[in-house]
Amino acid sequence: YGMEFFAMEWFRQAPGKEREGVSCISRSGGITNYVDAVKGRFTISRD
């Protein structure tokens, strides 16, 4: 399986709330984004 062909994202869903994107990482790992609520606290990475 070539994970390098896929961008990856973490989502979360709390009870009674809509699912939200938390953080994404590009195929290369060079680009990452975070929802404001987790910036500075969460870190996404890939191998």
All heavy atoms as atom14 arrays in JSON, in Angstrom:
{
  "sequence": "YGMEFFAMEWFRQAPGKEREGVSCISRSGGITNYVDAVKGRFTISRD",
  "atom14_mask": [
    [1, 1, 1, 1, 1, 1, 1, 1, 1, 1, 1, 1, 0, 0],
    [1, 1, 1, 1, 0, 0, 0, 0, 0, 0, 0, 0, 0, 0],
    [1, 1, 1, 1, 1, 1, 1, 1, 0, 0, 0, 0, 0, 0],
    [1, 1, 1, 1, 1, 1, 1, 1, 1, 0, 0, 0, 0, 0],
    [1, 1, 1, 1, 1, 1, 1, 1, 1, 1, 1, 0, 0, 0],
    [1, 1, 1, 1, 1, 1, 1, 1, 1, 1, 1, 0, 0, 0],
    [1, 1, 1, 1, 1, 0, 0, 0, 0, 0, 0, 0, 0, 0],
    [1, 1, 1, 1, 1, 1, 1, 1, 0, 0, 0, 0, 0, 0],
    [1, 1, 1, 1, 1, 1, 1, 1, 1, 0, 0, 0, 0, 0],
    [1, 1, 1, 1, 1, 1, 1, 1, 1, 1, 1, 1, 1, 1],
    [1, 1, 1, 1, 1, 1, 1, 1, 1, 1, 1, 0, 0, 0],
    [1, 1, 1, 1, 1, 1, 1, 1, 1, 1, 1, 0, 0, 0],
    [1, 1, 1, 1, 1, 1, 1, 1, 1, 0, 0, 0, 0, 0],
    [1, 1, 1, 1, 1, 0, 0, 0, 0, 0, 0, 0, 0, 0],
    [1, 1, 1, 1, 1, 1, 1, 0, 0, 0, 0, 0, 0, 0],
    [1, 1, 1, 1, 0, 0, 0, 0, 0, 0, 0, 0, 0, 0],
    [1, 1, 1, 1, 1, 1, 1, 1, 1, 0, 0, 0, 0, 0],
    [1, 1, 1, 1, 1, 1, 1, 1, 1, 0, 0, 0, 0, 0],
    [1, 1, 1, 1, 1, 1, 1, 1, 1, 1, 1, 0, 0, 0],
    [1, 1, 1, 1, 1, 1, 1, 1, 1, 0, 0, 0, 0, 0],
    [1, 1, 1, 1, 0, 0, 0, 0, 0, 0, 0, 0, 0, 0],
    [1, 1, 1, 1, 1, 1, 1, 0, 0, 0, 0, 0, 0, 0],
    [1, 1, 1, 1, 1, 1, 0, 0, 0, 0, 0, 0, 0, 0],
    [1, 1, 1, 1, 1, 1, 0, 0, 0, 0, 0, 0, 0, 0],
    [1, 1, 1, 1, 1, 1, 1, 1, 0, 0, 0, 0, 0, 0],
    [1, 1, 1, 1, 1, 1, 0, 0, 0, 0, 0, 0, 0, 0],
    [1, 1, 1, 1, 1, 1, 1, 1, 1, 1, 1, 0, 0, 0],
    [1, 1, 1, 1, 1, 1, 0, 0, 0, 0, 0, 0, 0, 0],
    [1, 1, 1, 1, 0, 0, 0, 0, 0, 0, 0, 0, 0, 0],
    [1, 1, 1, 1, 0, 0, 0, 0, 0, 0, 0, 0, 0, 0],
    [1, 1, 1, 1, 1, 1, 1, 1, 0, 0, 0, 0, 0, 0],
    [1, 1, 1, 1, 1, 1, 1, 0, 0, 0, 0, 0, 0, 0],
    [1, 1, 1, 1, 1, 1, 1, 1, 0, 0, 0, 0, 0, 0],
    [1, 1, 1, 1, 1, 1, 1, 1, 1, 1, 1, 1, 0, 0],
    [1, 1, 1, 1, 1, 1, 1, 0, 0, 0, 0, 0, 0, 0],
    [1, 1, 1, 1, 1, 1, 1, 1, 0, 0, 0, 0, 0, 0],
    [1, 1, 1, 1, 1, 0, 0, 0, 0, 0, 0, 0, 0, 0],
    [1, 1, 1, 1, 1, 1, 1, 0, 0, 0, 0, 0, 0, 0],
    [1, 1, 1, 1, 1, 1, 1, 1, 1, 0, 0, 0, 0, 0],
    [1, 1, 1, 1, 0, 0, 0, 0, 0, 0, 0, 0, 0, 0],
    [1, 1, 1, 1, 1, 1, 1, 1, 1, 1, 1, 0, 0, 0],
    [1, 1, 1, 1, 1, 1, 1, 1, 1, 1, 1, 0, 0, 0],
    [1, 1, 1, 1, 1, 1, 1, 0, 0, 0, 0, 0, 0, 0],
    [1, 1, 1, 1, 1, 1, 1, 1, 0, 0, 0, 0, 0, 0],
    [1, 1, 1, 1, 1, 1, 0, 0, 0, 0, 0, 0, 0, 0],
    [1, 1, 1, 1, 1, 1, 1, 1, 1, 1, 1, 0, 0, 0],
    [1, 1, 1, 1, 1, 1, 1, 1, 0, 0, 0, 0, 0, 0]
  ],
  "atom14_positions": [
    [[0.86, -1.19, 0.0], [0.0, 0.0, 0.0], [0.88, 1.22, 0.0], [1.75, 1.37, 0.86], [-0.89, -0.02, 1.23], [-1.66, 1.25, 1.44], [-2.75, 1.54, 0.65], [-1.28, 2.16, 2.41], [-3.46, 2.7, 0.83], [-1.97, 3.34, 2.6], [-3.06, 3.6, 1.81], [-3.76, 4.76, 1.98], [0.0, 0.0, 0.0], [0.0, 0.0, 0.0]],
    [[0.64, 2.11, -0.93], [1.43, 3.32, -1.02], [0.75, 4.48, -0.35], [0.0, 5.23, -0.99], [0.0, 0.0, 0.0], [0.0, 0.0, 0.0], [0.0, 0.0, 0.0], [0.0, 0.0, 0.0], [0.0, 0.0, 0.0], [0.0, 0.0, 0.0], [0.0, 0.0, 0.0], [0.0, 0.0, 0.0], [0.0, 0.0, 0.0], [0.0, 0.0, 0.0]],
    [[1.0, 4.66, 0.93], [0.38, 5.76, 1.65], [0.84, 7.09, 1.11], [0.15, 8.1, 1.28], [0.71, 5.65, 3.14], [-0.18, 6.5, 4.03], [0.25, 6.36, 5.77], [-1.29, 6.76, 6.52], [0.0, 0.0, 0.0], [0.0, 0.0, 0.0], [0.0, 0.0, 0.0], [0.0, 0.0, 0.0], [0.0, 0.0, 0.0], [0.0, 0.0, 0.0]],
    [[1.98, 7.09, 0.43], [2.49, 8.34, -0.1], [1.59, 8.94, -1.17], [1.76, 10.08, -1.56], [3.9, 8.13, -0.67], [3.98, 7.2, -1.87], [4.22, 5.76, -1.48], [3.91, 5.39, -0.33], [4.71, 4.99, -2.34], [0.0, 0.0, 0.0], [0.0, 0.0, 0.0], [0.0, 0.0, 0.0], [0.0, 0.0, 0.0], [0.0, 0.0, 0.0]],
    [[0.61, 8.18, -1.65], [-0.32, 8.68, -2.66], [-1.53, 9.39, -2.05], [-2.39, 9.89, -2.76], [-0.79, 7.54, -3.56], [0.31, 6.91, -4.36], [0.74, 5.63, -4.1], [0.96, 7.62, -5.36], [1.78, 5.05, -4.83], [1.99, 7.06, -6.09], [2.39, 5.77, -5.82], [0.0, 0.0, 0.0], [0.0, 0.0, 0.0], [0.0, 0.0, 0.0]],
    [[-1.59, 9.42, -0.71], [-2.76, 9.97, -0.05], [-2.39, 11.11, 0.9], [-1.47, 10.96, 1.72], [-3.47, 8.88, 0.76], [-4.09, 7.79, -0.07], [-3.32, 6.75, -0.55], [-5.43, 7.82, -0.37], [-3.88, 5.74, -1.33], [-6.01, 6.82, -1.14], [-5.23, 5.79, -1.61], [0.0, 0.0, 0.0], [0.0, 0.0, 0.0], [0.0, 0.0, 0.0]],
    [[-3.12, 12.22, 0.8], [-3.11, 13.19, 1.88], [-3.95, 12.61, 3.01], [-4.91, 11.87, 2.77], [-3.68, 14.52, 1.41], [0.0, 0.0, 0.0], [0.0, 0.0, 0.0], [0.0, 0.0, 0.0], [0.0, 0.0, 0.0], [0.0, 0.0, 0.0], [0.0, 0.0, 0.0], [0.0, 0.0, 0.0], [0.0, 0.0, 0.0], [0.0, 0.0, 0.0]],
    [[-3.6, 12.95, 4.24], [-4.27, 12.36, 5.4], [-4.84, 13.45, 6.28], [-4.27, 14.55, 6.4], [-3.28, 11.51, 6.2], [-2.63, 10.38, 5.42], [-3.81, 9.14, 4.84], [-4.37, 8.46, 6.41], [0.0, 0.0, 0.0], [0.0, 0.0, 0.0], [0.0, 0.0, 0.0], [0.0, 0.0, 0.0], [0.0, 0.0, 0.0], [0.0, 0.0, 0.0]],
    [[-5.93, 13.14, 6.93], [-6.54, 14.11, 7.83], [-7.13, 13.4, 9.03], [-7.62, 12.27, 8.93], [-7.64, 14.91, 7.12], [-8.27, 15.99, 7.97], [-8.8, 17.16, 7.17], [-8.7, 17.14, 5.94], [-9.32, 18.11, 7.8], [0.0, 0.0, 0.0], [0.0, 0.0, 0.0], [0.0, 0.0, 0.0], [0.0, 0.0, 0.0], [0.0, 0.0, 0.0]],
    [[-7.06, 14.08, 10.17], [-7.73, 13.65, 11.39], [-8.99, 14.48, 11.55], [-8.95, 15.71, 11.44], [-6.84, 13.82, 12.61], [-5.74, 12.82, 12.71], [-4.44, 12.97, 12.32], [-5.84, 11.5, 13.26], [-3.73, 11.82, 12.59], [-4.56, 10.91, 13.17], [-6.87, 10.76, 13.84], [-4.29, 9.62, 13.62], [-6.6, 9.48, 14.27], [-5.33, 8.91, 14.17]],
    [[-10.09, 13.81, 11.84], [-11.37, 14.43, 12.16], [-11.75, 14.04, 13.58], [-11.21, 13.08, 14.14], [-12.47, 13.95, 11.2], [-12.34, 14.44, 9.79], [-11.5, 13.78, 8.9], [-13.05, 15.53, 9.35], [-11.38, 14.22, 7.58], [-12.94, 15.98, 8.04], [-12.1, 15.32, 7.17], [0.0, 0.0, 0.0], [0.0, 0.0, 0.0], [0.0, 0.0, 0.0]],
    [[-12.7, 14.75, 14.14], [-13.27, 14.34, 15.42], [-14.75, 14.69, 15.46], [-15.2, 15.61, 14.78], [-12.53, 14.99, 16.58], [-12.69, 16.5, 16.7], [-11.82, 17.01, 17.85], [-11.93, 18.46, 17.99], [-11.21, 19.18, 18.84], [-10.31, 18.57, 19.63], [-11.36, 20.49, 18.91], [0.0, 0.0, 0.0], [0.0, 0.0, 0.0], [0.0, 0.0, 0.0]],
    [[-15.45, 13.93, 16.28], [-16.88, 14.2, 16.46], [-17.23, 13.96, 17.91], [-17.06, 12.85, 18.43], [-17.73, 13.31, 15.55], [-19.2, 13.67, 15.59], [-19.99, 13.03, 14.47], [-19.57, 12.04, 13.88], [-21.15, 13.6, 14.15], [0.0, 0.0, 0.0], [0.0, 0.0, 0.0], [0.0, 0.0, 0.0], [0.0, 0.0, 0.0], [0.0, 0.0, 0.0]],
    [[-17.72, 15.01, 18.55], [-18.17, 14.93, 19.93], [-19.67, 14.65, 19.93], [-20.37, 14.98, 18.97], [-17.86, 16.23, 20.65], [0.0, 0.0, 0.0], [0.0, 0.0, 0.0], [0.0, 0.0, 0.0], [0.0, 0.0, 0.0], [0.0, 0.0, 0.0], [0.0, 0.0, 0.0], [0.0, 0.0, 0.0], [0.0, 0.0, 0.0], [0.0, 0.0, 0.0]],
    [[-20.18, 14.07, 21.01], [-21.62, 13.78, 21.09], [-22.45, 15.04, 20.87], [-22.2, 16.09, 21.48], [-21.78, 13.24, 22.51], [-20.45, 12.69, 22.86], [-19.45, 13.58, 22.19], [0.0, 0.0, 0.0], [0.0, 0.0, 0.0], [0.0, 0.0, 0.0], [0.0, 0.0, 0.0], [0.0, 0.0, 0.0], [0.0, 0.0, 0.0], [0.0, 0.0, 0.0]],
    [[-23.43, 14.94, 19.98], [-24.32, 16.06, 19.73], [-23.73, 17.15, 18.84], [-24.38, 18.18, 18.62], [0.0, 0.0, 0.0], [0.0, 0.0, 0.0], [0.0, 0.0, 0.0], [0.0, 0.0, 0.0], [0.0, 0.0, 0.0], [0.0, 0.0, 0.0], [0.0, 0.0, 0.0], [0.0, 0.0, 0.0], [0.0, 0.0, 0.0], [0.0, 0.0, 0.0]],
    [[-22.53, 16.95, 18.34], [-21.87, 17.95, 17.49], [-21.56, 17.36, 16.13], [-21.48, 16.16, 15.95], [-20.6, 18.47, 18.16], [-20.84, 19.23, 19.45], [-19.56, 19.87, 19.95], [-19.81, 20.69, 21.2], [-18.56, 21.35, 21.68], [0.0, 0.0, 0.0], [0.0, 0.0, 0.0], [0.0, 0.0, 0.0], [0.0, 0.0, 0.0], [0.0, 0.0, 0.0]],
    [[-21.35, 18.26, 15.18], [-20.96, 17.82, 13.84], [-19.49, 17.41, 13.82], [-18.68, 17.89, 14.62], [-21.21, 18.94, 12.83], [-22.67, 19.25, 12.6], [-22.89, 20.22, 11.45], [-21.9, 20.71, 10.89], [-24.06, 20.47, 11.12], [0.0, 0.0, 0.0], [0.0, 0.0, 0.0], [0.0, 0.0, 0.0], [0.0, 0.0, 0.0], [0.0, 0.0, 0.0]],
    [[-19.18, 16.54, 12.88], [-17.78, 16.16, 12.7], [-16.99, 17.35, 12.19], [-17.47, 18.11, 11.34], [-17.69, 15.01, 11.69], [-16.32, 14.43, 11.49], [-16.38, 13.25, 10.54], [-16.83, 13.65, 9.22], [-17.27, 12.8, 8.3], [-17.33, 11.5, 8.58], [-17.66, 13.24, 7.12], [0.0, 0.0, 0.0], [0.0, 0.0, 0.0], [0.0, 0.0, 0.0]],
    [[-15.77, 17.51, 12.71], [-14.93, 18.62, 12.27], [-13.54, 18.12, 11.92], [-13.02, 17.18, 12.52], [-14.83, 19.7, 13.35], [-14.08, 19.3, 14.59], [-13.78, 20.46, 15.53], [-13.9, 21.63, 15.1], [-13.42, 20.19, 16.7], [0.0, 0.0, 0.0], [0.0, 0.0, 0.0], [0.0, 0.0, 0.0], [0.0, 0.0, 0.0], [0.0, 0.0, 0.0]],
    [[-12.95, 18.76, 10.94], [-11.57, 18.46, 10.6], [-10.64, 19.06, 11.63], [-10.79, 20.23, 11.99], [0.0, 0.0, 0.0], [0.0, 0.0, 0.0], [0.0, 0.0, 0.0], [0.0, 0.0, 0.0], [0.0, 0.0, 0.0], [0.0, 0.0, 0.0], [0.0, 0.0, 0.0], [0.0, 0.0, 0.0], [0.0, 0.0, 0.0], [0.0, 0.0, 0.0]],
    [[-9.71, 18.29, 12.13], [-8.78, 18.73, 13.17], [-7.45, 19.13, 12.57], [-6.92, 20.21, 12.88], [-8.58, 17.61, 14.21], [-7.53, 18.01, 15.23], [-9.9, 17.28, 14.89], [0.0, 0.0, 0.0], [0.0, 0.0, 0.0], [0.0, 0.0, 0.0], [0.0, 0.0, 0.0], [0.0, 0.0, 0.0], [0.0, 0.0, 0.0], [0.0, 0.0, 0.0]],
    [[-6.9, 18.26, 11.74], [-5.59, 18.53, 11.18], [-5.38, 17.69, 9.94], [-5.83, 16.56, 9.87], [-4.5, 18.2, 12.21], [-3.21, 18.44, 11.69], [0.0, 0.0, 0.0], [0.0, 0.0, 0.0], [0.0, 0.0, 0.0], [0.0, 0.0, 0.0], [0.0, 0.0, 0.0], [0.0, 0.0, 0.0], [0.0, 0.0, 0.0], [0.0, 0.0, 0.0]],
    [[-4.67, 18.26, 8.96], [-4.36, 17.51, 7.74], [-2.87, 17.6, 7.45], [-2.18, 18.5, 7.92], [-5.15, 18.03, 6.55], [-4.75, 19.7, 6.05], [0.0, 0.0, 0.0], [0.0, 0.0, 0.0], [0.0, 0.0, 0.0], [0.0, 0.0, 0.0], [0.0, 0.0, 0.0], [0.0, 0.0, 0.0], [0.0, 0.0, 0.0], [0.0, 0.0, 0.0]],
    [[-2.4, 16.65, 6.66], [-1.0, 16.63, 6.26], [-0.93, 16.19, 4.81], [-1.61, 15.26, 4.39], [-0.16, 15.72, 7.19], [1.33, 15.83, 6.87], [-0.63, 14.27, 7.13], [2.22, 15.23, 7.97], [0.0, 0.0, 0.0], [0.0, 0.0, 0.0], [0.0, 0.0, 0.0], [0.0, 0.0, 0.0], [0.0, 0.0, 0.0], [0.0, 0.0, 0.0]],
    [[-0.1, 16.88, 4.04], [0.01, 16.58, 2.62], [0.77, 15.27, 2.4], [1.36, 14.7, 3.32], [0.74, 17.72, 1.91], [2.07, 17.83, 2.4], [0.0, 0.0, 0.0], [0.0, 0.0, 0.0], [0.0, 0.0, 0.0], [0.0, 0.0, 0.0], [0.0, 0.0, 0.0], [0.0, 0.0, 0.0], [0.0, 0.0, 0.0], [0.0, 0.0, 0.0]],
    [[0.78, 14.82, 1.17], [1.45, 13.57, 0.82], [2.93, 13.61, 1.18], [3.49, 12.63, 1.66], [1.28, 13.29, -0.67], [-0.13, 12.92, -1.1], [-0.27, 12.96, -2.6], [0.8, 12.21, -3.25], [1.16, 12.35, -4.51], [0.53, 13.24, -5.29], [2.12, 11.63, -5.04], [0.0, 0.0, 0.0], [0.0, 0.0, 0.0], [0.0, 0.0, 0.0]],
    [[3.55, 14.74, 0.98], [4.98, 14.87, 1.27], [5.27, 15.07, 2.74], [6.4, 14.88, 3.2], [5.55, 16.06, 0.49], [5.05, 17.27, 1.01], [0.0, 0.0, 0.0], [0.0, 0.0, 0.0], [0.0, 0.0, 0.0], [0.0, 0.0, 0.0], [0.0, 0.0, 0.0], [0.0, 0.0, 0.0], [0.0, 0.0, 0.0], [0.0, 0.0, 0.0]],
    [[4.25, 15.47, 3.49], [4.45, 15.82, 4.88], [4.87, 17.27, 5.07], [4.99, 17.74, 6.2], [0.0, 0.0, 0.0], [0.0, 0.0, 0.0], [0.0, 0.0, 0.0], [0.0, 0.0, 0.0], [0.0, 0.0, 0.0], [0.0, 0.0, 0.0], [0.0, 0.0, 0.0], [0.0, 0.0, 0.0], [0.0, 0.0, 0.0], [0.0, 0.0, 0.0]],
    [[5.1, 17.97, 3.97], [5.61, 19.33, 4.08], [4.56, 20.38, 4.39], [4.9, 21.48, 4.81], [0.0, 0.0, 0.0], [0.0, 0.0, 0.0], [0.0, 0.0, 0.0], [0.0, 0.0, 0.0], [0.0, 0.0, 0.0], [0.0, 0.0, 0.0], [0.0, 0.0, 0.0], [0.0, 0.0, 0.0], [0.0, 0.0, 0.0], [0.0, 0.0, 0.0]],
    [[3.31, 20.05, 4.19], [2.21, 20.98, 4.46], [1.3, 20.38, 5.52], [0.86, 19.23, 5.4], [1.39, 21.26, 3.18], [2.28, 21.89, 2.1], [0.21, 22.17, 3.51], [2.87, 23.23, 2.46], [0.0, 0.0, 0.0], [0.0, 0.0, 0.0], [0.0, 0.0, 0.0], [0.0, 0.0, 0.0], [0.0, 0.0, 0.0], [0.0, 0.0, 0.0]],
    [[1.05, 21.17, 6.56], [0.12, 20.75, 7.61], [-0.81, 21.91, 7.93], [-0.42, 23.09, 7.83], [0.85, 20.32, 8.89], [1.66, 21.42, 9.36], [1.75, 19.12, 8.64], [0.0, 0.0, 0.0], [0.0, 0.0, 0.0], [0.0, 0.0, 0.0], [0.0, 0.0, 0.0], [0.0, 0.0, 0.0], [0.0, 0.0, 0.0], [0.0, 0.0, 0.0]],
    [[-2.03, 21.59, 8.29], [-3.01, 22.59, 8.72], [-3.71, 22.11, 9.97], [-3.85, 20.89, 10.19], [-4.05, 22.84, 7.62], [-3.48, 23.61, 6.45], [-2.6, 24.46, 6.6], [-3.97, 23.31, 5.25], [0.0, 0.0, 0.0], [0.0, 0.0, 0.0], [0.0, 0.0, 0.0], [0.0, 0.0, 0.0], [0.0, 0.0, 0.0], [0.0, 0.0, 0.0]],
    [[-4.15, 23.07, 10.78], [-4.83, 22.75, 12.03], [-6.05, 23.65, 12.19], [-6.02, 24.82, 11.83], [-3.89, 22.96, 13.22], [-2.65, 22.13, 13.18], [-1.49, 22.59, 12.56], [-2.61, 20.86, 13.77], [-0.34, 21.82, 12.51], [-1.47, 20.09, 13.74], [-0.33, 20.57, 13.09], [0.8, 19.79, 13.06], [0.0, 0.0, 0.0], [0.0, 0.0, 0.0]],
    [[-7.07, 23.1, 12.81], [-8.2, 23.94, 13.2], [-7.73, 24.84, 14.35], [-6.84, 24.46, 15.13], [-9.39, 23.05, 13.62], [-9.11, 22.3, 14.9], [-10.66, 23.86, 13.72], [0.0, 0.0, 0.0], [0.0, 0.0, 0.0], [0.0, 0.0, 0.0], [0.0, 0.0, 0.0], [0.0, 0.0, 0.0], [0.0, 0.0, 0.0], [0.0, 0.0, 0.0]],
    [[-8.29, 26.03, 14.43], [-7.81, 27.01, 15.41], [-7.82, 26.47, 16.83], [-6.93, 26.78, 17.64], [-8.66, 28.27, 15.34], [-8.36, 29.12, 14.11], [-7.33, 28.86, 13.45], [-9.15, 30.03, 13.81], [0.0, 0.0, 0.0], [0.0, 0.0, 0.0], [0.0, 0.0, 0.0], [0.0, 0.0, 0.0], [0.0, 0.0, 0.0], [0.0, 0.0, 0.0]],
    [[-8.79, 25.64, 17.16], [-8.95, 25.16, 18.53], [-7.78, 24.31, 19.01], [-7.59, 24.13, 20.22], [-10.24, 24.38, 18.67], [0.0, 0.0, 0.0], [0.0, 0.0, 0.0], [0.0, 0.0, 0.0], [0.0, 0.0, 0.0], [0.0, 0.0, 0.0], [0.0, 0.0, 0.0], [0.0, 0.0, 0.0], [0.0, 0.0, 0.0], [0.0, 0.0, 0.0]],
    [[-6.99, 23.76, 18.08], [-5.9, 22.86, 18.49], [-4.52, 23.41, 18.13], [-3.5, 22.77, 18.45], [-6.07, 21.45, 17.89], [-7.46, 20.91, 18.2], [-5.79, 21.43, 16.4], [0.0, 0.0, 0.0], [0.0, 0.0, 0.0], [0.0, 0.0, 0.0], [0.0, 0.0, 0.0], [0.0, 0.0, 0.0], [0.0, 0.0, 0.0], [0.0, 0.0, 0.0]],
    [[-4.46, 24.55, 17.48], [-3.16, 25.12, 17.09], [-2.27, 25.34, 18.3], [-2.71, 25.85, 19.33], [-3.36, 26.44, 16.34], [-3.83, 26.26, 14.91], [-3.99, 27.6, 14.21], [-4.45, 27.41, 12.76], [-4.69, 28.7, 12.08], [0.0, 0.0, 0.0], [0.0, 0.0, 0.0], [0.0, 0.0, 0.0], [0.0, 0.0, 0.0], [0.0, 0.0, 0.0]],
    [[-1.02, 24.91, 18.17], [-0.08, 25.05, 19.26], [-0.13, 23.91, 20.27], [0.74, 23.82, 21.14], [0.0, 0.0, 0.0], [0.0, 0.0, 0.0], [0.0, 0.0, 0.0], [0.0, 0.0, 0.0], [0.0, 0.0, 0.0], [0.0, 0.0, 0.0], [0.0, 0.0, 0.0], [0.0, 0.0, 0.0], [0.0, 0.0, 0.0], [0.0, 0.0, 0.0]],
    [[-1.13, 23.05, 20.15], [-1.26, 21.92, 21.1], [-1.13, 20.57, 20.41], [-0.63, 19.62, 21.0], [-2.61, 21.99, 21.82], [-2.81, 23.26, 22.62], [-4.07, 23.17, 23.48], [-5.29, 23.03, 22.69], [-6.13, 22.0, 22.78], [-5.89, 21.01, 23.61], [-7.24, 21.96, 22.03], [0.0, 0.0, 0.0], [0.0, 0.0, 0.0], [0.0, 0.0, 0.0]],
    [[-1.61, 20.48, 19.17], [-1.58, 19.22, 18.43], [-0.54, 19.3, 17.32], [-0.31, 20.37, 16.74], [-2.93, 18.93, 17.78], [-4.04, 18.56, 18.73], [-3.91, 18.73, 20.1], [-5.23, 18.05, 18.24], [-4.94, 18.38, 20.97], [-6.27, 17.71, 19.08], [-6.12, 17.87, 20.46], [0.0, 0.0, 0.0], [0.0, 0.0, 0.0], [0.0, 0.0, 0.0]],
    [[0.08, 18.16, 17.02], [1.04, 18.08, 15.93], [0.77, 16.83, 15.1], [0.74, 15.72, 15.65], [2.48, 18.01, 16.47], [2.74, 19.14, 17.3], [3.48, 18.01, 15.31], [0.0, 0.0, 0.0], [0.0, 0.0, 0.0], [0.0, 0.0, 0.0], [0.0, 0.0, 0.0], [0.0, 0.0, 0.0], [0.0, 0.0, 0.0], [0.0, 0.0, 0.0]],
    [[0.59, 17.01, 13.81], [0.37, 15.9, 12.91], [1.68, 15.56, 12.21], [2.49, 16.45, 11.91], [-0.75, 16.22, 11.88], [-1.17, 14.96, 11.12], [-0.31, 17.32, 10.92], [-2.43, 15.17, 10.26], [0.0, 0.0, 0.0], [0.0, 0.0, 0.0], [0.0, 0.0, 0.0], [0.0, 0.0, 0.0], [0.0, 0.0, 0.0], [0.0, 0.0, 0.0]],
    [[1.91, 14.28, 11.97], [3.1, 13.85, 11.25], [2.79, 12.54, 10.55], [1.74, 11.93, 10.79], [4.3, 13.68, 12.21], [4.02, 12.69, 13.18], [0.0, 0.0, 0.0], [0.0, 0.0, 0.0], [0.0, 0.0, 0.0], [0.0, 0.0, 0.0], [0.0, 0.0, 0.0], [0.0, 0.0, 0.0], [0.0, 0.0, 0.0], [0.0, 0.0, 0.0]],
    [[3.69, 12.12, 9.69], [3.46, 10.88, 8.97], [4.79, 10.19, 8.7], [5.84, 10.83, 8.6], [2.73, 11.13, 7.66], [3.48, 11.94, 6.62], [2.57, 12.3, 5.44], [2.13, 11.12, 4.7], [1.06, 11.09, 3.92], [0.29, 12.18, 3.79], [0.74, 9.99, 3.27], [0.0, 0.0, 0.0], [0.0, 0.0, 0.0], [0.0, 0.0, 0.0]],
    [[4.71, 8.86, 8.58], [5.85, 8.04, 8.21], [5.36, 7.13, 7.09], [4.73, 6.09, 7.34], [6.34, 7.22, 9.41], [7.62, 6.45, 9.11], [7.89, 6.17, 7.92], [8.32, 6.11, 10.06], [0.0, 0.0, 0.0], [0.0, 0.0, 0.0], [0.0, 0.0, 0.0], [0.0, 0.0, 0.0], [0.0, 0.0, 0.0], [0.0, 0.0, 0.0]]
  ]
}
